[in-house]
Amino acid sequence: MVYAPPEELYEFLLDFPGYARYSEYIDRVTQDGDGTPGTNYDLVFSWWKLTYTARSEVTGVDEPERIDWRIVKDIDAEGYWYVEEVSAPDGVDVASRVVLHIEFDPDSASSNAVDLPRLVSLDWVIEKVKPLIHKEATRIVERVVADIEGERRDVDLAIQTGPDSV
């Protein structure tokens, strides 16, 4: 839950290049377009000895609730950002829930997509990265909430995997 109206959060989510300042592993994000459908983003990640650029495209928008996207390079993945107003807790004027939903085919990832060091397998890299995902997601969400709300606080973050995820 974020203590801000959906319209403000939607505008924040459209500023995708700004995400790089929240992550230890995103070096930069470049944008080609204005955030509407057809806009492309290149996200340059680095971790350990690896660097990878993910390319995504905005496929649909429904302001101020939803931004649909897909990955257009190396893996089959798509998803959306969804924002909805929810009941605010006591002492807070307005609150919203933000959902990032991702669907991907793990079998579509190949070792050719990443320039791996000799004797390093993609499976090894994936197993090493999995524990970092929750830690990094929590750090990013806490930083984003602090910027939007003006002060740091603990946040509730749910990461779900598997076919029954919402």
N, C-alpha and C. Protein backbone atom coordinates (compact mmCIF):
# COMPACT_ATOMS: atom_id res chain seq x y z
N MET A 1 0.84 -1.17 0.00
CA MET A 1 0.00 0.00 0.00
C MET A 1 0.89 1.24 0.00
N VAL A 2 0.53 2.16 -0.86
CA VAL A 2 1.26 3.42 -0.97
C VAL A 2 0.27 4.54 -0.66
N TYR A 3 0.71 5.51 0.14
CA TYR A 3 -0.18 6.60 0.55
C TYR A 3 -0.13 7.72 -0.48
N ALA A 4 -0.77 7.47 -1.61
CA ALA A 4 -0.84 8.44 -2.70
C ALA A 4 -2.01 8.03 -3.60
N PRO A 5 -2.56 8.99 -4.35
CA PRO A 5 -3.68 8.66 -5.25
C PRO A 5 -3.18 7.89 -6.48
N PRO A 6 -4.06 7.10 -7.09
CA PRO A 6 -3.67 6.33 -8.28
C PRO A 6 -3.07 7.19 -9.39
N GLU A 7 -3.60 8.39 -9.61
CA GLU A 7 -3.10 9.25 -10.68
C GLU A 7 -1.61 9.58 -10.48
N GLU A 8 -1.22 9.87 -9.24
CA GLU A 8 0.18 10.19 -8.95
C GLU A 8 1.07 8.97 -9.16
N LEU A 9 0.60 7.81 -8.74
CA LEU A 9 1.39 6.59 -8.90
C LEU A 9 1.51 6.20 -10.37
N TYR A 10 0.45 6.38 -11.12
CA TYR A 10 0.48 6.09 -12.56
C TYR A 10 1.54 6.94 -13.24
N GLU A 11 1.56 8.23 -12.95
CA GLU A 11 2.58 9.13 -13.53
C GLU A 11 3.98 8.69 -13.12
N PHE A 12 4.12 8.27 -11.89
CA PHE A 12 5.42 7.79 -11.42
C PHE A 12 5.86 6.56 -12.21
N LEU A 13 4.94 5.62 -12.44
CA LEU A 13 5.26 4.40 -13.18
C LEU A 13 5.61 4.69 -14.64
N LEU A 14 5.03 5.74 -15.22
CA LEU A 14 5.36 6.11 -16.59
C LEU A 14 6.80 6.61 -16.72
N ASP A 15 7.38 7.10 -15.61
CA ASP A 15 8.77 7.59 -15.63
C ASP A 15 9.73 6.42 -15.45
N PHE A 16 9.63 5.46 -16.34
CA PHE A 16 10.40 4.23 -16.24
C PHE A 16 11.92 4.45 -16.18
N PRO A 17 12.50 5.40 -16.94
CA PRO A 17 13.94 5.62 -16.84
C PRO A 17 14.38 6.00 -15.41
N GLY A 18 13.50 6.57 -14.63
CA GLY A 18 13.83 6.93 -13.26
C GLY A 18 14.03 5.74 -12.34
N TYR A 19 13.60 4.55 -12.76
CA TYR A 19 13.72 3.35 -11.91
C TYR A 19 15.18 3.04 -11.59
N ALA A 20 16.09 3.40 -12.48
CA ALA A 20 17.50 3.04 -12.29
C ALA A 20 18.06 3.60 -10.98
N ARG A 21 17.55 4.71 -10.52
CA ARG A 21 18.09 5.30 -9.28
C ARG A 21 17.71 4.50 -8.04
N TYR A 22 16.78 3.58 -8.16
CA TYR A 22 16.33 2.79 -7.01
C TYR A 22 17.00 1.43 -6.89
N SER A 23 17.65 0.97 -7.93
CA SER A 23 18.18 -0.38 -7.96
C SER A 23 19.71 -0.41 -7.96
N GLU A 24 20.22 -1.35 -7.22
CA GLU A 24 21.66 -1.58 -7.20
C GLU A 24 22.13 -2.25 -8.49
N TYR A 25 21.22 -2.90 -9.19
CA TYR A 25 21.60 -3.72 -10.34
C TYR A 25 21.18 -3.15 -11.69
N ILE A 26 20.37 -2.09 -11.71
CA ILE A 26 20.02 -1.44 -12.98
C ILE A 26 20.95 -0.26 -13.15
N ASP A 27 21.80 -0.32 -14.17
CA ASP A 27 22.74 0.76 -14.43
C ASP A 27 22.07 1.97 -15.06
N ARG A 28 21.18 1.70 -16.01
CA ARG A 28 20.48 2.80 -16.68
C ARG A 28 19.29 2.24 -17.45
N VAL A 29 18.37 3.15 -17.75
CA VAL A 29 17.21 2.83 -18.58
C VAL A 29 17.10 3.91 -19.63
N THR A 30 17.05 3.51 -20.89
CA THR A 30 16.84 4.49 -21.96
C THR A 30 15.45 4.27 -22.54
N GLN A 31 14.86 5.36 -23.00
CA GLN A 31 13.48 5.36 -23.47
C GLN A 31 13.41 5.87 -24.90
N ASP A 32 12.63 5.18 -25.73
CA ASP A 32 12.34 5.62 -27.09
C ASP A 32 10.83 5.71 -27.21
N GLY A 33 10.27 6.89 -26.99
CA GLY A 33 8.83 7.11 -27.02
C GLY A 33 8.39 7.91 -25.82
N ASP A 34 7.08 8.13 -25.73
CA ASP A 34 6.54 9.01 -24.67
C ASP A 34 5.80 8.25 -23.57
N GLY A 35 5.94 6.92 -23.51
CA GLY A 35 5.26 6.13 -22.49
C GLY A 35 3.97 5.51 -22.97
N THR A 36 3.49 5.91 -24.14
CA THR A 36 2.28 5.34 -24.70
C THR A 36 2.63 4.05 -25.44
N PRO A 37 1.62 3.28 -25.89
CA PRO A 37 1.92 2.04 -26.61
C PRO A 37 2.91 2.27 -27.75
N GLY A 38 3.85 1.34 -27.86
CA GLY A 38 4.91 1.44 -28.85
C GLY A 38 6.21 1.98 -28.27
N THR A 39 6.17 2.56 -27.07
CA THR A 39 7.39 3.05 -26.43
C THR A 39 8.27 1.87 -26.05
N ASN A 40 9.57 1.98 -26.34
CA ASN A 40 10.54 0.94 -25.99
C ASN A 40 11.47 1.44 -24.90
N TYR A 41 11.85 0.51 -24.02
CA TYR A 41 12.80 0.79 -22.95
C TYR A 41 13.92 -0.25 -23.00
N ASP A 42 15.15 0.22 -22.88
CA ASP A 42 16.29 -0.68 -22.71
C ASP A 42 16.74 -0.56 -21.27
N LEU A 43 16.73 -1.66 -20.54
CA LEU A 43 17.16 -1.70 -19.15
C LEU A 43 18.50 -2.42 -19.09
N VAL A 44 19.54 -1.72 -18.65
CA VAL A 44 20.87 -2.30 -18.59
C VAL A 44 21.13 -2.75 -17.16
N PHE A 45 21.22 -4.05 -16.97
CA PHE A 45 21.47 -4.66 -15.67
C PHE A 45 22.93 -5.09 -15.58
N SER A 46 23.49 -5.04 -14.38
CA SER A 46 24.79 -5.65 -14.17
C SER A 46 24.82 -6.27 -12.78
N TRP A 47 25.46 -7.44 -12.71
CA TRP A 47 25.63 -8.17 -11.46
C TRP A 47 26.83 -9.09 -11.64
N TRP A 48 27.68 -9.13 -10.65
CA TRP A 48 28.86 -9.96 -10.67
C TRP A 48 29.67 -9.61 -11.91
N LYS A 49 29.93 -10.55 -12.82
CA LYS A 49 30.69 -10.29 -14.04
C LYS A 49 29.79 -10.19 -15.27
N LEU A 50 28.50 -10.04 -15.03
CA LEU A 50 27.54 -10.09 -16.12
C LEU A 50 26.89 -8.74 -16.35
N THR A 51 26.63 -8.45 -17.61
CA THR A 51 25.86 -7.28 -18.00
C THR A 51 24.82 -7.76 -19.02
N TYR A 52 23.60 -7.27 -18.88
CA TYR A 52 22.54 -7.70 -19.77
C TYR A 52 21.60 -6.52 -20.03
N THR A 53 21.17 -6.37 -21.27
CA THR A 53 20.20 -5.34 -21.62
C THR A 53 18.88 -6.02 -21.98
N ALA A 54 17.86 -5.70 -21.20
CA ALA A 54 16.51 -6.18 -21.50
C ALA A 54 15.79 -5.09 -22.28
N ARG A 55 15.06 -5.47 -23.29
CA ARG A 55 14.30 -4.50 -24.08
C ARG A 55 12.81 -4.80 -23.90
N SER A 56 12.06 -3.79 -23.48
CA SER A 56 10.63 -3.96 -23.29
C SER A 56 9.87 -2.93 -24.12
N GLU A 57 8.59 -3.22 -24.34
CA GLU A 57 7.74 -2.33 -25.11
C GLU A 57 6.40 -2.17 -24.39
N VAL A 58 5.91 -0.95 -24.31
CA VAL A 58 4.57 -0.69 -23.79
C VAL A 58 3.58 -1.15 -24.85
N THR A 59 2.64 -2.02 -24.44
CA THR A 59 1.67 -2.55 -25.40
C THR A 59 0.27 -1.99 -25.21
N GLY A 60 0.01 -1.37 -24.07
CA GLY A 60 -1.30 -0.79 -23.82
C GLY A 60 -1.29 0.03 -22.55
N VAL A 61 -2.17 1.01 -22.48
CA VAL A 61 -2.32 1.81 -21.27
C VAL A 61 -3.80 2.08 -21.03
N ASP A 62 -4.16 2.15 -19.75
CA ASP A 62 -5.50 2.52 -19.34
C ASP A 62 -5.33 3.44 -18.12
N GLU A 63 -5.13 4.71 -18.42
CA GLU A 63 -4.81 5.70 -17.38
C GLU A 63 -6.01 5.90 -16.45
N PRO A 64 -5.84 5.97 -15.16
CA PRO A 64 -4.61 5.88 -14.36
C PRO A 64 -4.44 4.52 -13.70
N GLU A 65 -4.91 3.45 -14.34
CA GLU A 65 -4.93 2.16 -13.68
C GLU A 65 -3.91 1.14 -14.18
N ARG A 66 -3.58 1.16 -15.47
CA ARG A 66 -2.83 0.01 -15.98
C ARG A 66 -1.87 0.40 -17.10
N ILE A 67 -0.69 -0.25 -17.06
CA ILE A 67 0.30 -0.13 -18.12
C ILE A 67 0.71 -1.56 -18.49
N ASP A 68 0.41 -1.97 -19.72
CA ASP A 68 0.78 -3.30 -20.21
C ASP A 68 2.11 -3.23 -20.95
N TRP A 69 2.90 -4.29 -20.85
CA TRP A 69 4.21 -4.31 -21.50
C TRP A 69 4.58 -5.75 -21.88
N ARG A 70 5.60 -5.85 -22.71
CA ARG A 70 6.17 -7.16 -23.05
C ARG A 70 7.66 -7.00 -23.28
N ILE A 71 8.38 -8.07 -23.07
CA ILE A 71 9.81 -8.11 -23.39
C ILE A 71 9.91 -8.49 -24.86
N VAL A 72 10.74 -7.78 -25.61
CA VAL A 72 10.81 -8.00 -27.05
C VAL A 72 12.14 -8.61 -27.48
N LYS A 73 12.97 -9.02 -26.51
CA LYS A 73 14.29 -9.55 -26.84
C LYS A 73 14.66 -10.68 -25.88
N ASP A 74 15.05 -11.80 -26.39
CA ASP A 74 15.68 -12.91 -25.67
C ASP A 74 14.76 -13.83 -24.87
N ILE A 75 13.69 -13.34 -24.26
CA ILE A 75 12.80 -14.23 -23.51
C ILE A 75 11.35 -13.86 -23.81
N ASP A 76 10.47 -14.84 -23.62
CA ASP A 76 9.04 -14.61 -23.78
C ASP A 76 8.50 -14.17 -22.42
N ALA A 77 8.20 -12.88 -22.29
CA ALA A 77 7.67 -12.35 -21.03
C ALA A 77 6.77 -11.17 -21.33
N GLU A 78 5.75 -11.03 -20.50
CA GLU A 78 4.84 -9.90 -20.58
C GLU A 78 4.25 -9.66 -19.21
N GLY A 79 3.63 -8.52 -19.06
CA GLY A 79 3.02 -8.23 -17.77
C GLY A 79 2.35 -6.88 -17.77
N TYR A 80 2.07 -6.39 -16.57
CA TYR A 80 1.43 -5.09 -16.45
C TYR A 80 1.66 -4.52 -15.05
N TRP A 81 1.55 -3.20 -14.99
CA TRP A 81 1.45 -2.47 -13.73
C TRP A 81 -0.03 -2.18 -13.56
N TYR A 82 -0.55 -2.37 -12.35
CA TYR A 82 -1.94 -2.08 -12.06
C TYR A 82 -2.01 -1.25 -10.77
N VAL A 83 -2.78 -0.17 -10.80
CA VAL A 83 -2.91 0.72 -9.64
C VAL A 83 -4.39 0.86 -9.32
N GLU A 84 -4.74 0.69 -8.04
CA GLU A 84 -6.13 0.89 -7.63
C GLU A 84 -6.17 1.58 -6.26
N GLU A 85 -7.16 2.44 -6.09
CA GLU A 85 -7.34 3.09 -4.80
C GLU A 85 -7.94 2.08 -3.83
N VAL A 86 -7.45 2.10 -2.59
CA VAL A 86 -7.95 1.21 -1.54
C VAL A 86 -8.26 2.05 -0.31
N SER A 87 -8.91 1.45 0.66
CA SER A 87 -9.22 2.16 1.90
C SER A 87 -7.93 2.55 2.61
N ALA A 88 -7.85 3.81 2.99
CA ALA A 88 -6.66 4.31 3.67
C ALA A 88 -6.74 3.99 5.16
N PRO A 89 -5.60 3.70 5.77
CA PRO A 89 -5.60 3.47 7.22
C PRO A 89 -5.85 4.78 7.97
N ASP A 90 -6.17 4.66 9.24
CA ASP A 90 -6.41 5.84 10.06
C ASP A 90 -5.22 6.79 9.99
N GLY A 91 -5.52 8.07 9.85
CA GLY A 91 -4.48 9.08 9.81
C GLY A 91 -3.90 9.34 8.43
N VAL A 92 -4.39 8.63 7.43
CA VAL A 92 -3.90 8.79 6.07
C VAL A 92 -5.09 9.17 5.18
N ASP A 93 -4.90 10.16 4.31
CA ASP A 93 -5.99 10.65 3.46
C ASP A 93 -6.35 9.71 2.32
N VAL A 94 -5.33 9.16 1.65
CA VAL A 94 -5.58 8.34 0.46
C VAL A 94 -4.52 7.24 0.38
N ALA A 95 -4.93 6.09 -0.16
CA ALA A 95 -4.00 4.97 -0.31
C ALA A 95 -4.32 4.22 -1.60
N SER A 96 -3.29 3.63 -2.17
CA SER A 96 -3.44 2.84 -3.39
C SER A 96 -2.64 1.56 -3.28
N ARG A 97 -3.08 0.57 -4.01
CA ARG A 97 -2.34 -0.68 -4.12
C ARG A 97 -1.72 -0.70 -5.51
N VAL A 98 -0.46 -1.11 -5.58
CA VAL A 98 0.26 -1.20 -6.85
C VAL A 98 0.66 -2.66 -7.06
N VAL A 99 0.34 -3.18 -8.23
CA VAL A 99 0.66 -4.56 -8.56
C VAL A 99 1.54 -4.57 -9.80
N LEU A 100 2.62 -5.32 -9.75
CA LEU A 100 3.42 -5.62 -10.94
C LEU A 100 3.22 -7.11 -11.21
N HIS A 101 2.57 -7.41 -12.30
CA HIS A 101 2.29 -8.79 -12.69
C HIS A 101 3.19 -9.16 -13.86
N ILE A 102 3.89 -10.28 -13.73
CA ILE A 102 4.80 -10.74 -14.79
C ILE A 102 4.51 -12.19 -15.11
N GLU A 103 4.39 -12.48 -16.38
CA GLU A 103 4.29 -13.86 -16.86
C GLU A 103 5.44 -14.10 -17.81
N PHE A 104 6.15 -15.21 -17.61
CA PHE A 104 7.23 -15.50 -18.54
C PHE A 104 7.43 -17.00 -18.67
N ASP A 105 8.03 -17.36 -19.78
CA ASP A 105 8.35 -18.74 -20.07
C ASP A 105 9.83 -18.96 -19.76
N PRO A 106 10.14 -19.61 -18.62
CA PRO A 106 11.54 -19.79 -18.26
C PRO A 106 12.32 -20.60 -19.29
N ASP A 107 11.63 -21.44 -20.05
CA ASP A 107 12.31 -22.23 -21.08
C ASP A 107 12.73 -21.38 -22.27
N SER A 108 12.21 -20.16 -22.37
CA SER A 108 12.57 -19.30 -23.50
C SER A 108 13.92 -18.62 -23.29
N ALA A 109 14.43 -18.61 -22.05
CA ALA A 109 15.74 -18.02 -21.78
C ALA A 109 16.83 -18.98 -22.23
N SER A 110 17.83 -18.43 -22.90
CA SER A 110 18.93 -19.28 -23.33
C SER A 110 20.25 -18.65 -22.92
N SER A 111 21.27 -19.48 -22.81
CA SER A 111 22.59 -18.98 -22.43
C SER A 111 23.16 -18.07 -23.51
N ASN A 112 22.63 -18.11 -24.73
CA ASN A 112 23.11 -17.22 -25.79
C ASN A 112 22.72 -15.76 -25.53
N ALA A 113 21.71 -15.55 -24.69
CA ALA A 113 21.24 -14.19 -24.41
C ALA A 113 22.22 -13.42 -23.54
N VAL A 114 23.01 -14.12 -22.74
CA VAL A 114 23.96 -13.49 -21.83
C VAL A 114 25.34 -14.03 -22.13
N ASP A 115 26.32 -13.14 -22.18
CA ASP A 115 27.70 -13.55 -22.41
C ASP A 115 28.28 -14.05 -21.09
N LEU A 116 28.20 -15.38 -20.89
CA LEU A 116 28.63 -15.98 -19.63
C LEU A 116 30.13 -16.26 -19.63
N PRO A 117 30.78 -16.09 -18.47
CA PRO A 117 32.19 -16.48 -18.37
C PRO A 117 32.33 -17.98 -18.64
N ARG A 118 33.50 -18.36 -19.04
CA ARG A 118 33.79 -19.76 -19.32
C ARG A 118 33.51 -20.61 -18.09
N LEU A 119 32.93 -21.76 -18.29
CA LEU A 119 32.58 -22.74 -17.25
C LEU A 119 31.45 -22.29 -16.32
N VAL A 120 30.72 -21.27 -16.69
CA VAL A 120 29.57 -20.81 -15.90
C VAL A 120 28.31 -21.12 -16.70
N SER A 121 27.37 -21.83 -16.07
CA SER A 121 26.13 -22.18 -16.76
C SER A 121 25.03 -21.18 -16.42
N LEU A 122 24.06 -21.09 -17.31
CA LEU A 122 22.91 -20.23 -17.08
C LEU A 122 22.14 -20.71 -15.85
N ASP A 123 22.03 -22.01 -15.66
CA ASP A 123 21.34 -22.55 -14.48
C ASP A 123 22.01 -22.08 -13.19
N TRP A 124 23.35 -22.06 -13.17
CA TRP A 124 24.09 -21.59 -11.99
C TRP A 124 23.77 -20.13 -11.72
N VAL A 125 23.77 -19.32 -12.77
CA VAL A 125 23.47 -17.89 -12.62
C VAL A 125 22.06 -17.70 -12.08
N ILE A 126 21.10 -18.43 -12.63
CA ILE A 126 19.71 -18.29 -12.18
C ILE A 126 19.58 -18.65 -10.71
N GLU A 127 20.21 -19.71 -10.26
CA GLU A 127 20.14 -20.10 -8.85
C GLU A 127 20.78 -19.06 -7.94
N LYS A 128 21.83 -18.41 -8.39
CA LYS A 128 22.49 -17.37 -7.59
C LYS A 128 21.65 -16.09 -7.53
N VAL A 129 20.90 -15.80 -8.60
CA VAL A 129 20.13 -14.57 -8.67
C VAL A 129 18.82 -14.67 -7.89
N LYS A 130 18.22 -15.85 -7.82
CA LYS A 130 16.91 -16.00 -7.17
C LYS A 130 16.85 -15.37 -5.78
N PRO A 131 17.83 -15.61 -4.87
CA PRO A 131 17.73 -15.00 -3.53
C PRO A 131 17.86 -13.48 -3.55
N LEU A 132 18.50 -12.94 -4.57
CA LEU A 132 18.65 -11.49 -4.66
C LEU A 132 17.36 -10.78 -5.05
N ILE A 133 16.47 -11.49 -5.72
CA ILE A 133 15.29 -10.86 -6.26
C ILE A 133 14.41 -10.27 -5.16
N HIS A 134 14.10 -11.04 -4.12
CA HIS A 134 13.24 -10.53 -3.05
C HIS A 134 13.91 -9.38 -2.31
N LYS A 135 15.19 -9.53 -2.02
CA LYS A 135 15.93 -8.47 -1.31
C LYS A 135 15.95 -7.18 -2.14
N GLU A 136 16.23 -7.29 -3.42
CA GLU A 136 16.30 -6.12 -4.28
C GLU A 136 14.91 -5.51 -4.48
N ALA A 137 13.89 -6.34 -4.66
CA ALA A 137 12.53 -5.83 -4.82
C ALA A 137 12.09 -5.05 -3.58
N THR A 138 12.39 -5.58 -2.41
CA THR A 138 12.04 -4.88 -1.17
C THR A 138 12.76 -3.55 -1.07
N ARG A 139 14.04 -3.53 -1.39
CA ARG A 139 14.82 -2.28 -1.34
C ARG A 139 14.24 -1.25 -2.31
N ILE A 140 13.91 -1.67 -3.52
CA ILE A 140 13.36 -0.75 -4.52
C ILE A 140 12.02 -0.18 -4.05
N VAL A 141 11.14 -1.05 -3.57
CA VAL A 141 9.81 -0.60 -3.14
C VAL A 141 9.94 0.36 -1.96
N GLU A 142 10.80 0.07 -1.01
CA GLU A 142 10.98 0.98 0.13
C GLU A 142 11.50 2.34 -0.32
N ARG A 143 12.42 2.37 -1.27
CA ARG A 143 12.95 3.64 -1.78
C ARG A 143 11.90 4.42 -2.55
N VAL A 144 11.12 3.73 -3.36
CA VAL A 144 10.06 4.38 -4.13
C VAL A 144 9.02 4.98 -3.18
N VAL A 145 8.58 4.19 -2.20
CA VAL A 145 7.58 4.67 -1.24
C VAL A 145 8.12 5.89 -0.48
N ALA A 146 9.37 5.85 -0.08
CA ALA A 146 9.97 6.99 0.63
C ALA A 146 9.95 8.25 -0.24
N ASP A 147 10.26 8.11 -1.52
CA ASP A 147 10.23 9.27 -2.42
C ASP A 147 8.81 9.81 -2.60
N ILE A 148 7.86 8.92 -2.77
CA ILE A 148 6.49 9.35 -3.01
C ILE A 148 5.86 9.94 -1.75
N GLU A 149 6.08 9.29 -0.60
CA GLU A 149 5.42 9.72 0.63
C GLU A 149 6.22 10.75 1.42
N GLY A 150 7.52 10.88 1.12
CA GLY A 150 8.33 11.87 1.81
C GLY A 150 9.02 11.37 3.06
N GLU A 151 8.84 10.10 3.42
CA GLU A 151 9.55 9.53 4.56
C GLU A 151 9.66 8.02 4.40
N ARG A 152 10.68 7.46 5.01
CA ARG A 152 10.95 6.03 4.91
C ARG A 152 10.06 5.27 5.91
N ARG A 153 9.55 4.12 5.46
CA ARG A 153 8.79 3.24 6.35
C ARG A 153 8.90 1.82 5.84
N ASP A 154 8.59 0.86 6.69
CA ASP A 154 8.54 -0.53 6.26
C ASP A 154 7.35 -0.71 5.32
N VAL A 155 7.52 -1.54 4.33
CA VAL A 155 6.44 -1.81 3.38
C VAL A 155 6.16 -3.30 3.34
N ASP A 156 4.93 -3.63 2.98
CA ASP A 156 4.54 -5.02 2.77
C ASP A 156 4.71 -5.32 1.30
N LEU A 157 5.47 -6.36 1.01
CA LEU A 157 5.72 -6.75 -0.37
C LEU A 157 5.44 -8.24 -0.50
N ALA A 158 4.61 -8.59 -1.45
CA ALA A 158 4.30 -10.00 -1.70
C ALA A 158 4.83 -10.36 -3.07
N ILE A 159 5.66 -11.40 -3.12
CA ILE A 159 6.14 -11.93 -4.39
C ILE A 159 5.60 -13.34 -4.51
N GLN A 160 4.83 -13.57 -5.57
CA GLN A 160 4.22 -14.86 -5.79
C GLN A 160 4.78 -15.45 -7.07
N THR A 161 5.00 -16.74 -7.06
CA THR A 161 5.46 -17.43 -8.27
C THR A 161 4.56 -18.63 -8.50
N GLY A 162 4.58 -19.09 -9.71
CA GLY A 162 3.81 -20.29 -10.02
C GLY A 162 2.54 -19.94 -10.78
N PRO A 163 1.83 -20.96 -11.25
CA PRO A 163 0.66 -20.75 -12.10
C PRO A 163 -0.51 -20.10 -11.39
N ASP A 164 -0.58 -20.15 -10.06
CA ASP A 164 -1.70 -19.56 -9.34
C ASP A 164 -1.42 -18.15 -8.87
N SER A 165 -0.32 -17.55 -9.29
CA SER A 165 0.05 -16.20 -8.86
C SER A 165 -0.91 -15.17 -9.41
N VAL A 166 -1.12 -14.12 -8.63
CA VAL A 166 -1.97 -13.02 -9.07
C VAL A 166 -1.16 -11.75 -9.05
